C-alpha cells in the first residue's frame, strides 16, 4: 500500500517577494544548510527546491511538494565532499580523480 499524508503549513512562499534584503539572509542560510544536509548527510533530498516549494514560516523554513525526491548514494556524497575539499585546498587537478 502507498499512503499520502498532507498537512497545512502556514507560511509565505519565497517567490512572494522579489526583493531580498538583509533580514532574509538567515532564511537563505537556513535553506542552504538544509539542502546541503539533505544531499550530503542523509542522501535523500528534495529534488525541486525552487522558491515556490519553500515557505518562510515563524519557525524558519518549510519544504513543500515532495513530488520529486532524489537519492544520493554514499559514494557520490563522498565524491562531492572530496571535490569541495580539493577546490578549497587549491588542488584542482585532484578534483577530476
PDB file of N, CA and C in Angstrom:
ATOM      1  N   UNK A   1       0.821  -1.184   0.000  1.00  0.00           N
ATOM      2  CA  UNK A   1       0.000   0.000   0.000  1.00  0.00           C
ATOM      3  C   UNK A   1       0.867   1.250   0.000  1.00  0.00           C
ATOM      4  N   UNK A   2       0.374   2.269  -0.680  1.00  0.00           N
ATOM      5  CA  UNK A   2       1.016   3.578  -0.642  1.00  0.00           C
ATOM      6  C   UNK A   2       0.053   4.551   0.001  1.00  0.00           C
ATOM      7  N   UNK A   3       0.568   5.364   0.894  1.00  0.00           N
ATOM      8  CA  UNK A   3      -0.261   6.309   1.628  1.00  0.00           C
ATOM      9  C   UNK A   3       0.319   7.708   1.455  1.00  0.00           C
ATOM     10  N   UNK A   4      -0.535   8.652   1.142  1.00  0.00           N
ATOM     11  CA  UNK A   4      -0.119  10.046   1.069  1.00  0.00           C
ATOM     12  C   UNK A   4      -0.675  10.755   2.288  1.00  0.00           C
ATOM     13  N   UNK A   5       0.188  11.468   2.990  1.00  0.00           N
ATOM     14  CA  UNK A   5      -0.283  12.272   4.117  1.00  0.00           C
ATOM     15  C   UNK A   5      -0.020  13.732   3.793  1.00  0.00           C
ATOM     16  N   UNK A   6      -0.915  14.575   4.235  1.00  0.00           N
ATOM     17  CA  UNK A   6      -0.776  16.004   3.967  1.00  0.00           C
ATOM     18  C   UNK A   6      -1.035  16.786   5.236  1.00  0.00           C
ATOM     19  N   UNK A   7      -0.380  17.912   5.334  1.00  0.00           N
ATOM     20  CA  UNK A   7      -0.565  18.804   6.474  1.00  0.00           C
ATOM     21  C   UNK A   7      -0.456  20.230   5.961  1.00  0.00           C
ATOM     22  N   UNK A   8      -1.297  21.118   6.469  1.00  0.00           N
ATOM     23  CA  UNK A   8      -1.225  22.525   6.077  1.00  0.00           C
ATOM     24  C   UNK A   8      -0.050  23.169   6.795  1.00  0.00           C
ATOM     25  N   UNK A   9       0.768  23.893   6.047  1.00  0.00           N
ATOM     26  CA  UNK A   9       1.902  24.612   6.619  1.00  0.00           C
ATOM     27  C   UNK A   9       1.673  26.094   6.366  1.00  0.00           C
ATOM     28  N   UNK A  10       1.595  26.865   7.438  1.00  0.00           N
ATOM     29  CA  UNK A  10       1.378  28.300   7.320  1.00  0.00           C
ATOM     30  C   UNK A  10       2.707  28.988   7.055  1.00  0.00           C
ATOM     31  N   UNK A  11       2.772  29.764   5.986  1.00  0.00           N
ATOM     32  CA  UNK A  11       3.994  30.478   5.670  1.00  0.00           C
ATOM     33  C   UNK A  11       3.852  31.289   4.405  1.00  0.00           C
ATOM     34  N   UNK A  12       4.928  31.927   4.017  1.00  0.00           N
ATOM     35  CA  UNK A  12       4.968  32.754   2.818  1.00  0.00           C
ATOM     36  C   UNK A  12       5.924  32.122   1.825  1.00  0.00           C
ATOM     37  N   UNK A  13       5.434  31.901   0.596  1.00  0.00           N
ATOM     38  CA  UNK A  13       6.315  31.345  -0.441  1.00  0.00           C
ATOM     39  C   UNK A  13       7.470  32.312  -0.699  1.00  0.00           C
ATOM     40  N   UNK A  14       8.624  31.770  -0.948  1.00  0.00           N
ATOM     41  CA  UNK A  14       9.794  32.622  -1.178  1.00  0.00           C
ATOM     42  C   UNK A  14       9.691  33.386  -2.487  1.00  0.00           C
ATOM     43  N   UNK A  15       8.772  32.999  -3.358  1.00  0.00           N
ATOM     44  CA  UNK A  15       8.578  33.735  -4.608  1.00  0.00           C
ATOM     45  C   UNK A  15       7.643  34.920  -4.424  1.00  0.00           C
ATOM     46  N   UNK A  16       7.070  35.087  -3.240  1.00  0.00           N
ATOM     47  CA  UNK A  16       6.110  36.165  -2.994  1.00  0.00           C
ATOM     48  C   UNK A  16       6.759  37.545  -2.988  1.00  0.00           C
ATOM     49  N   UNK A  17       8.047  37.627  -2.703  1.00  0.00           N
ATOM     50  CA  UNK A  17       8.744  38.908  -2.624  1.00  0.00           C
ATOM     51  C   UNK A  17      10.024  38.822  -3.450  1.00  0.00           C
ATOM     52  N   UNK A  18      10.068  39.577  -4.539  1.00  0.00           N
ATOM     53  CA  UNK A  18      11.220  39.507  -5.438  1.00  0.00           C
ATOM     54  C   UNK A  18      12.445  40.209  -4.863  1.00  0.00           C
ATOM     55  N   UNK A  19      12.257  41.008  -3.833  1.00  0.00           N
ATOM     56  CA  UNK A  19      13.360  41.763  -3.244  1.00  0.00           C
ATOM     57  C   UNK A  19      13.907  40.985  -2.041  1.00  0.00           C
ATOM     58  N   UNK A  20      15.215  40.815  -2.014  1.00  0.00           N
ATOM     59  CA  UNK A  20      15.865  40.160  -0.887  1.00  0.00           C
ATOM     60  C   UNK A  20      16.643  41.230  -0.134  1.00  0.00           C
ATOM     61  N   UNK A  21      16.388  41.312   1.170  1.00  0.00           N
ATOM     62  CA  UNK A  21      17.141  42.280   1.968  1.00  0.00           C
ATOM     63  C   UNK A  21      17.898  41.554   3.076  1.00  0.00           C
ATOM     64  N   UNK A  22      18.611  42.307   3.864  1.00  0.00           N
ATOM     65  CA  UNK A  22      19.466  41.716   4.908  1.00  0.00           C
ATOM     66  C   UNK A  22      18.668  40.873   5.888  1.00  0.00           C
ATOM     67  N   UNK A  23      17.411  41.208   6.112  1.00  0.00           N
ATOM     68  CA  UNK A  23      16.584  40.439   7.053  1.00  0.00           C
ATOM     69  C   UNK A  23      16.320  39.023   6.542  1.00  0.00           C
ATOM     70  N   UNK A  24      16.457  38.807   5.233  1.00  0.00           N
ATOM     71  CA  UNK A  24      16.219  37.488   4.644  1.00  0.00           C
ATOM     72  C   UNK A  24      17.450  36.578   4.679  1.00  0.00           C
ATOM     73  N   UNK A  25      18.596  37.105   5.024  1.00  0.00           N
ATOM     74  CA  UNK A  25      19.826  36.309   4.987  1.00  0.00           C
ATOM     75  C   UNK A  25      19.805  35.097   5.919  1.00  0.00           C
ATOM     76  N   UNK A  26      19.236  35.181   7.123  1.00  0.00           N
ATOM     77  CA  UNK A  26      19.158  33.973   7.951  1.00  0.00           C
ATOM     78  C   UNK A  26      18.315  32.871   7.300  1.00  0.00           C
ATOM     79  N   UNK A  27      17.242  33.240   6.623  1.00  0.00           N
ATOM     80  CA  UNK A  27      16.419  32.247   5.926  1.00  0.00           C
ATOM     81  C   UNK A  27      17.199  31.639   4.770  1.00  0.00           C
ATOM     82  N   UNK A  28      17.932  32.457   4.045  1.00  0.00           N
ATOM     83  CA  UNK A  28      18.758  31.962   2.948  1.00  0.00           C
ATOM     84  C   UNK A  28      19.810  30.987   3.470  1.00  0.00           C
ATOM     85  N   UNK A  29      20.464  31.358   4.550  1.00  0.00           N
ATOM     86  CA  UNK A  29      21.476  30.477   5.153  1.00  0.00           C
ATOM     87  C   UNK A  29      20.857  29.147   5.588  1.00  0.00           C
ATOM     88  N   UNK A  30      19.682  29.211   6.218  1.00  0.00           N
ATOM     89  CA  UNK A  30      18.996  28.003   6.652  1.00  0.00           C
ATOM     90  C   UNK A  30      18.659  27.111   5.462  1.00  0.00           C
ATOM     91  N   UNK A  31      18.195  27.710   4.361  1.00  0.00           N
ATOM     92  CA  UNK A  31      17.882  26.936   3.159  1.00  0.00           C
ATOM     93  C   UNK A  31      19.103  26.227   2.598  1.00  0.00           C
ATOM     94  N   UNK A  32      20.225  26.918   2.578  1.00  0.00           N
ATOM     95  CA  UNK A  32      21.465  26.314   2.094  1.00  0.00           C
ATOM     96  C   UNK A  32      21.882  25.168   3.010  1.00  0.00           C
ATOM     97  N   UNK A  33      21.821  25.393   4.321  1.00  0.00           N
ATOM     98  CA  UNK A  33      22.195  24.348   5.278  1.00  0.00           C
ATOM     99  C   UNK A  33      21.279  23.130   5.148  1.00  0.00           C
ATOM    100  N   UNK A  34      19.980  23.368   4.985  1.00  0.00           N
ATOM    101  CA  UNK A  34      19.033  22.253   4.848  1.00  0.00           C
ATOM    102  C   UNK A  34      19.293  21.451   3.582  1.00  0.00           C
ATOM    103  N   UNK A  35      19.511  22.155   2.478  1.00  0.00           N
ATOM    104  CA  UNK A  35      19.750  21.460   1.209  1.00  0.00           C
ATOM    105  C   UNK A  35      21.045  20.655   1.257  1.00  0.00           C
ATOM    106  N   UNK A  36      22.101  21.233   1.835  1.00  0.00           N
ATOM    107  CA  UNK A  36      23.361  20.507   1.955  1.00  0.00           C
ATOM    108  C   UNK A  36      23.218  19.308   2.882  1.00  0.00           C
ATOM    109  N   UNK A  37      22.476  19.478   3.960  1.00  0.00           N
ATOM    110  CA  UNK A  37      22.257  18.364   4.888  1.00  0.00           C
ATOM    111  C   UNK A  37      21.515  17.226   4.200  1.00  0.00           C
ATOM    112  N   UNK A  38      20.479  17.568   3.445  1.00  0.00           N
ATOM    113  CA  UNK A  38      19.729  16.541   2.725  1.00  0.00           C
ATOM    114  C   UNK A  38      20.647  15.781   1.764  1.00  0.00           C
ATOM    115  N   UNK A  39      21.423  16.525   0.999  1.00  0.00           N
ATOM    116  CA  UNK A  39      22.278  15.918  -0.024  1.00  0.00           C
ATOM    117  C   UNK A  39      23.436  15.142   0.581  1.00  0.00           C
ATOM    118  N   UNK A  40      24.151  15.750   1.522  1.00  0.00           N
ATOM    119  CA  UNK A  40      25.412  15.179   1.984  1.00  0.00           C
ATOM    120  C   UNK A  40      25.285  14.300   3.227  1.00  0.00           C
ATOM    121  N   UNK A  41      24.341  14.578   4.093  1.00  0.00           N
ATOM    122  CA  UNK A  41      24.225  13.797   5.330  1.00  0.00           C
ATOM    123  C   UNK A  41      23.257  12.631   5.186  1.00  0.00           C
ATOM    124  N   UNK A  42      22.035  12.927   4.733  1.00  0.00           N
ATOM    125  CA  UNK A  42      21.022  11.867   4.666  1.00  0.00           C
ATOM    126  C   UNK A  42      21.019  11.132   3.336  1.00  0.00           C
ATOM    127  N   UNK A  43      21.412  11.824   2.268  1.00  0.00           N
ATOM    128  CA  UNK A  43      21.389  11.208   0.946  1.00  0.00           C
ATOM    129  C   UNK A  43      20.005  11.153   0.323  1.00  0.00           C
ATOM    130  N   UNK A  44      19.031  11.751   0.946  1.00  0.00           N
ATOM    131  CA  UNK A  44      17.678  11.851   0.400  1.00  0.00           C
ATOM    132  C   UNK A  44      17.330  13.328   0.383  1.00  0.00           C
ATOM    133  N   UNK A  45      17.013  13.846  -0.809  1.00  0.00           N
ATOM    134  CA  UNK A  45      16.814  15.289  -0.903  1.00  0.00           C
ATOM    135  C   UNK A  45      15.627  15.669  -1.772  1.00  0.00           C
ATOM    136  N   UNK A  46      15.057  16.813  -1.453  1.00  0.00           N
ATOM    137  CA  UNK A  46      14.013  17.420  -2.265  1.00  0.00           C
ATOM    138  C   UNK A  46      14.675  17.788  -3.587  1.00  0.00           C
ATOM    139  N   UNK A  47      14.125  17.298  -4.693  1.00  0.00           N
ATOM    140  CA  UNK A  47      14.787  17.490  -5.982  1.00  0.00           C
ATOM    141  C   UNK A  47      14.245  18.684  -6.761  1.00  0.00           C
ATOM    142  N   UNK A  48      13.378  19.498  -6.153  1.00  0.00           N
ATOM    143  CA  UNK A  48      12.803  20.650  -6.846  1.00  0.00           C
ATOM    144  C   UNK A  48      12.642  21.823  -5.876  1.00  0.00           C
ATOM    145  N   UNK A  49      13.758  22.259  -5.242  1.00  0.00           N
ATOM    146  CA  UNK A  49      13.650  23.272  -4.191  1.00  0.00           C
ATOM    147  C   UNK A  49      13.658  24.719  -4.703  1.00  0.00           C
ATOM    148  N   UNK A  50      12.699  25.068  -5.566  1.00  0.00           N
ATOM    149  CA  UNK A  50      12.611  26.456  -6.025  1.00  0.00           C
ATOM    150  C   UNK A  50      11.761  27.267  -5.046  1.00  0.00           C
ATOM    151  N   UNK A  51      11.732  28.567  -5.226  1.00  0.00           N
ATOM    152  CA  UNK A  51      11.051  29.461  -4.296  1.00  0.00           C
ATOM    153  C   UNK A  51       9.578  29.171  -4.088  1.00  0.00           C
ATOM    154  N   UNK A  52       8.918  28.551  -5.060  1.00  0.00           N
ATOM    155  CA  UNK A  52       7.521  28.189  -4.897  1.00  0.00           C
ATOM    156  C   UNK A  52       7.315  26.973  -4.017  1.00  0.00           C
ATOM    157  N   UNK A  53       8.366  26.186  -3.807  1.00  0.00           N
ATOM    158  CA  UNK A  53       8.286  24.988  -2.969  1.00  0.00           C
ATOM    159  C   UNK A  53       8.922  25.188  -1.597  1.00  0.00           C
ATOM    160  N   UNK A  54       9.253  26.427  -1.284  1.00  0.00           N
ATOM    161  CA  UNK A  54       9.831  26.750   0.016  1.00  0.00           C
ATOM    162  C   UNK A  54       8.987  27.833   0.677  1.00  0.00           C
ATOM    163  N   UNK A  55       8.655  27.629   1.935  1.00  0.00           N
ATOM    164  CA  UNK A  55       7.877  28.603   2.680  1.00  0.00           C
ATOM    165  C   UNK A  55       8.699  29.146   3.837  1.00  0.00           C
ATOM    166  N   UNK A  56       8.655  30.454   4.008  1.00  0.00           N
ATOM    167  CA  UNK A  56       9.233  31.078   5.196  1.00  0.00           C
ATOM    168  C   UNK A  56       8.153  31.017   6.270  1.00  0.00           C
ATOM    169  N   UNK A  57       8.456  30.368   7.384  1.00  0.00           N
ATOM    170  CA  UNK A  57       7.485  30.186   8.462  1.00  0.00           C
ATOM    171  C   UNK A  57       7.972  30.905   9.722  1.00  0.00           C
ATOM    172  N   UNK A  58       7.113  30.943  10.735  1.00  0.00           N
ATOM    173  CA  UNK A  58       7.524  31.533  12.011  1.00  0.00           C
ATOM    174  C   UNK A  58       8.689  30.756  12.608  1.00  0.00           C
ATOM    175  N   UNK A  59       8.705  29.429  12.359  1.00  0.00           N
ATOM    176  CA  UNK A  59       9.750  28.572  12.910  1.00  0.00           C
ATOM    177  C   UNK A  59      11.020  28.586  12.078  1.00  0.00           C
ATOM    178  N   UNK A  60      10.940  29.025  10.828  1.00  0.00           N
ATOM    179  CA  UNK A  60      12.122  29.034   9.961  1.00  0.00           C
ATOM    180  C   UNK A  60      11.764  28.811   8.510  1.00  0.00           C
ATOM    181  N   UNK A  61      11.870  27.570   8.047  1.00  0.00           N
ATOM    182  CA  UNK A  61      11.712  27.266   6.636  1.00  0.00           C
ATOM    183  C   UNK A  61      11.011  25.922   6.480  1.00  0.00           C
ATOM    184  N   UNK A  62      10.124  25.829   5.493  1.00  0.00           N
ATOM    185  CA  UNK A  62       9.428  24.565   5.237  1.00  0.00           C
ATOM    186  C   UNK A  62       9.541  24.219   3.761  1.00  0.00           C
ATOM    187  N   UNK A  63       9.925  22.993   3.494  1.00  0.00           N
ATOM    188  CA  UNK A  63       9.925  22.460   2.135  1.00  0.00           C
ATOM    189  C   UNK A  63       8.548  21.855   1.892  1.00  0.00           C
ATOM    190  N   UNK A  64       7.933  22.146   0.743  1.00  0.00           N
ATOM    191  CA  UNK A  64       6.649  21.547   0.392  1.00  0.00           C
ATOM    192  C   UNK A  64       6.759  20.908  -0.983  1.00  0.00           C
ATOM    193  N   UNK A  65       5.777  20.118  -1.360  1.00  0.00           N
ATOM    194  CA  UNK A  65       5.673  19.462  -2.659  1.00  0.00           C
ATOM    195  C   UNK A  65       6.860  18.527  -2.900  1.00  0.00           C
ATOM    196  N   UNK A  66       6.796  17.370  -2.273  1.00  0.00           N
ATOM    197  CA  UNK A  66       7.849  16.371  -2.429  1.00  0.00           C
ATOM    198  C   UNK A  66       7.551  15.427  -3.593  1.00  0.00           C
ATOM    199  N   UNK A  67       7.021  15.984  -4.686  1.00  0.00           N
ATOM    200  CA  UNK A  67       6.740  15.178  -5.866  1.00  0.00           C
ATOM    201  C   UNK A  67       8.007  14.664  -6.532  1.00  0.00           C
ATOM    202  N   UNK A  68       9.109  15.369  -6.318  1.00  0.00           N
ATOM    203  CA  UNK A  68      10.404  14.945  -6.860  1.00  0.00           C
ATOM    204  C   UNK A  68      11.394  14.824  -5.709  1.00  0.00           C
ATOM    205  N   UNK A  69      11.830  13.602  -5.454  1.00  0.00           N
ATOM    206  CA  UNK A  69      12.812  13.331  -4.410  1.00  0.00           C
ATOM    207  C   UNK A  69      13.946  12.538  -5.045  1.00  0.00           C
ATOM    208  N   UNK A  70      15.152  12.841  -4.652  1.00  0.00           N
ATOM    209  CA  UNK A  70      16.309  12.162  -5.227  1.00  0.00           C
ATOM    210  C   UNK A  70      17.124  11.491  -4.123  1.00  0.00           C
ATOM    211  N   UNK A  71      17.671  10.352  -4.440  1.00  0.00           N
ATOM    212  CA  UNK A  71      18.591   9.678  -3.526  1.00  0.00           C
ATOM    213  C   UNK A  71      20.012   9.893  -4.029  1.00  0.00           C
ATOM    214  N   UNK A  72      20.896  10.231  -3.125  1.00  0.00           N
ATOM    215  CA  UNK A  72      22.303  10.455  -3.462  1.00  0.00           C
ATOM    216  C   UNK A  72      23.100   9.342  -2.778  1.00  0.00           C
ATOM    217  N   UNK A  73      23.625   8.396  -3.566  1.00  0.00           N
ATOM    218  CA  UNK A  73      24.364   7.279  -2.973  1.00  0.00           C
ATOM    219  C   UNK A  73      25.606   7.745  -2.205  1.00  0.00           C
ATOM    220  N   UNK A  74      25.988   6.985  -1.218  1.00  0.00           N
ATOM    221  CA  UNK A  74      27.135   7.328  -0.370  1.00  0.00           C
ATOM    222  C   UNK A  74      28.404   7.627  -1.174  1.00  0.00           C
ATOM    223  N   UNK A  75      28.753   6.827  -2.210  1.00  0.00           N
ATOM    224  CA  UNK A  75      29.974   7.157  -2.957  1.00  0.00           C
ATOM    225  C   UNK A  75      29.904   8.530  -3.648  1.00  0.00           C
ATOM    226  N   UNK A  76      28.726   8.913  -4.090  1.00  0.00           N
ATOM    227  CA  UNK A  76      28.563  10.230  -4.726  1.00  0.00           C
ATOM    228  C   UNK A  76      28.712  11.330  -3.684  1.00  0.00           C
ATOM    229  N   UNK A  77      28.106  11.133  -2.509  1.00  0.00           N
ATOM    230  CA  UNK A  77      28.237  12.123  -1.434  1.00  0.00           C
ATOM    231  C   UNK A  77      29.699  12.299  -1.051  1.00  0.00           C
ATOM    232  N   UNK A  78      30.414  11.189  -0.924  1.00  0.00           N
ATOM    233  CA  UNK A  78      31.838  11.261  -0.579  1.00  0.00           C
ATOM    234  C   UNK A  78      32.624  11.990  -1.663  1.00  0.00           C
ATOM    235  N   UNK A  79      32.306  11.702  -2.913  1.00  0.00           N
ATOM    236  CA  UNK A  79      32.983  12.370  -4.026  1.00  0.00           C
ATOM    237  C   UNK A  79      32.742  13.871  -4.040  1.00  0.00           C
ATOM    238  N   UNK A  80      31.518  14.285  -3.751  1.00  0.00           N
ATOM    239  CA  UNK A  80      31.212  15.713  -3.680  1.00  0.00           C
ATOM    240  C   UNK A  80      32.005  16.390  -2.573  1.00  0.00           C
ATOM    241  N   UNK A  81      32.072  15.758  -1.407  1.00  0.00           N
ATOM    242  CA  UNK A  81      32.833  16.336  -0.298  1.00  0.00           C
ATOM    243  C   UNK A  81      34.315  16.433  -0.621  1.00  0.00           C
ATOM    244  N   UNK A  82      34.841  15.384  -1.255  1.00  0.00           N
ATOM    245  CA  UNK A  82      36.263  15.415  -1.635  1.00  0.00           C
ATOM    246  C   UNK A  82      36.527  16.526  -2.649  1.00  0.00           C
ATOM    247  N   UNK A  83      35.633  16.665  -3.630  1.00  0.00           N
ATOM    248  CA  UNK A  83      35.809  17.698  -4.656  1.00  0.00           C
ATOM    249  C   UNK A  83      35.832  19.091  -4.026  1.00  0.00           C
ATOM    250  N   UNK A  84      34.918  19.349  -3.112  1.00  0.00           N
ATOM    251  CA  UNK A  84      34.897  20.649  -2.442  1.00  0.00           C
ATOM    252  C   UNK A  84      36.172  20.853  -1.638  1.00  0.00           C
ATOM    253  N   UNK A  85      36.621  19.832  -0.928  1.00  0.00           N
ATOM    254  CA  UNK A  85      37.849  19.949  -0.134  1.00  0.00           C
ATOM    255  C   UNK A  85      39.049  20.243  -1.029  1.00  0.00           C
ATOM    256  N   UNK A  86      39.114  19.571  -2.176  1.00  0.00           N
ATOM    257  CA  UNK A  86      40.225  19.822  -3.097  1.00  0.00           C
ATOM    258  C   UNK A  86      40.186  21.245  -3.659  1.00  0.00           C
ATOM    259  N   UNK A  87      39.002  21.737  -3.991  1.00  0.00           N
ATOM    260  CA  UNK A  87      38.886  23.105  -4.508  1.00  0.00           C
ATOM    261  C   UNK A  87      39.312  24.107  -3.444  1.00  0.00           C
ATOM    262  N   UNK A  88      38.843  23.913  -2.214  1.00  0.00           N
ATOM    263  CA  UNK A  88      39.201  24.819  -1.124  1.00  0.00           C
ATOM    264  C   UNK A  88      40.710  24.803  -0.892  1.00  0.00           C
ATOM    265  N   UNK A  89      41.328  23.619  -1.028  1.00  0.00           N
ATOM    266  CA  UNK A  89      42.778  23.493  -0.819  1.00  0.00           C
ATOM    267  C   UNK A  89      43.582  23.938  -2.045  1.00  0.00           C
ATOM    268  N   UNK A  90      42.886  24.273  -3.131  1.00  0.00           N
ATOM    269  CA  UNK A  90      43.590  24.699  -4.347  1.00  0.00           C
ATOM    270  C   UNK A  90      44.194  23.547  -5.134  1.00  0.00           C
ATOM    271  N   UNK A  91      43.800  22.326  -4.837  1.00  0.00           N
ATOM    272  CA  UNK A  91      44.312  21.142  -5.537  1.00  0.00           C
ATOM    273  C   UNK A  91      43.345  20.761  -6.659  1.00  0.00           C
ATOM    274  N   UNK A  92      43.241  21.633  -7.659  1.00  0.00           N
ATOM    275  CA  UNK A  92      42.248  21.499  -8.707  1.00  0.00           C
ATOM    276  C   UNK A  92      42.434  20.252  -9.562  1.00  0.00           C
ATOM    277  N   UNK A  93      43.667  19.807  -9.737  1.00  0.00           N
ATOM    278  CA  UNK A  93      43.919  18.622 -10.563  1.00  0.00           C
ATOM    279  C   UNK A  93      43.326  17.358  -9.931  1.00  0.00           C
ATOM    280  N   UNK A  94      43.184  17.334  -8.594  1.00  0.00           N
ATOM    281  CA  UNK A  94      42.647  16.158  -7.905  1.00  0.00           C
ATOM    282  C   UNK A  94      41.115  16.066  -8.006  1.00  0.00           C
ATOM    283  N   UNK A  95      40.471  17.160  -8.366  1.00  0.00           N
ATOM    284  CA  UNK A  95      39.000  17.154  -8.459  1.00  0.00           C
ATOM    285  C   UNK A  95      38.543  16.139  -9.510  1.00  0.00           C
ATOM    286  N   UNK A  96      39.300  16.003 -10.586  1.00  0.00           N
ATOM    287  CA  UNK A  96      38.926  15.102 -11.671  1.00  0.00           C
ATOM    288  C   UNK A  96      39.146  13.623 -11.328  1.00  0.00           C
ATOM    289  N   UNK A  97      39.875  13.345 -10.264  1.00  0.00           N
ATOM    290  CA  UNK A  97      40.168  11.948  -9.904  1.00  0.00           C
ATOM    291  C   UNK A  97      38.966  11.264  -9.411  1.00  0.00           C
TER     292      UNK A  97
END
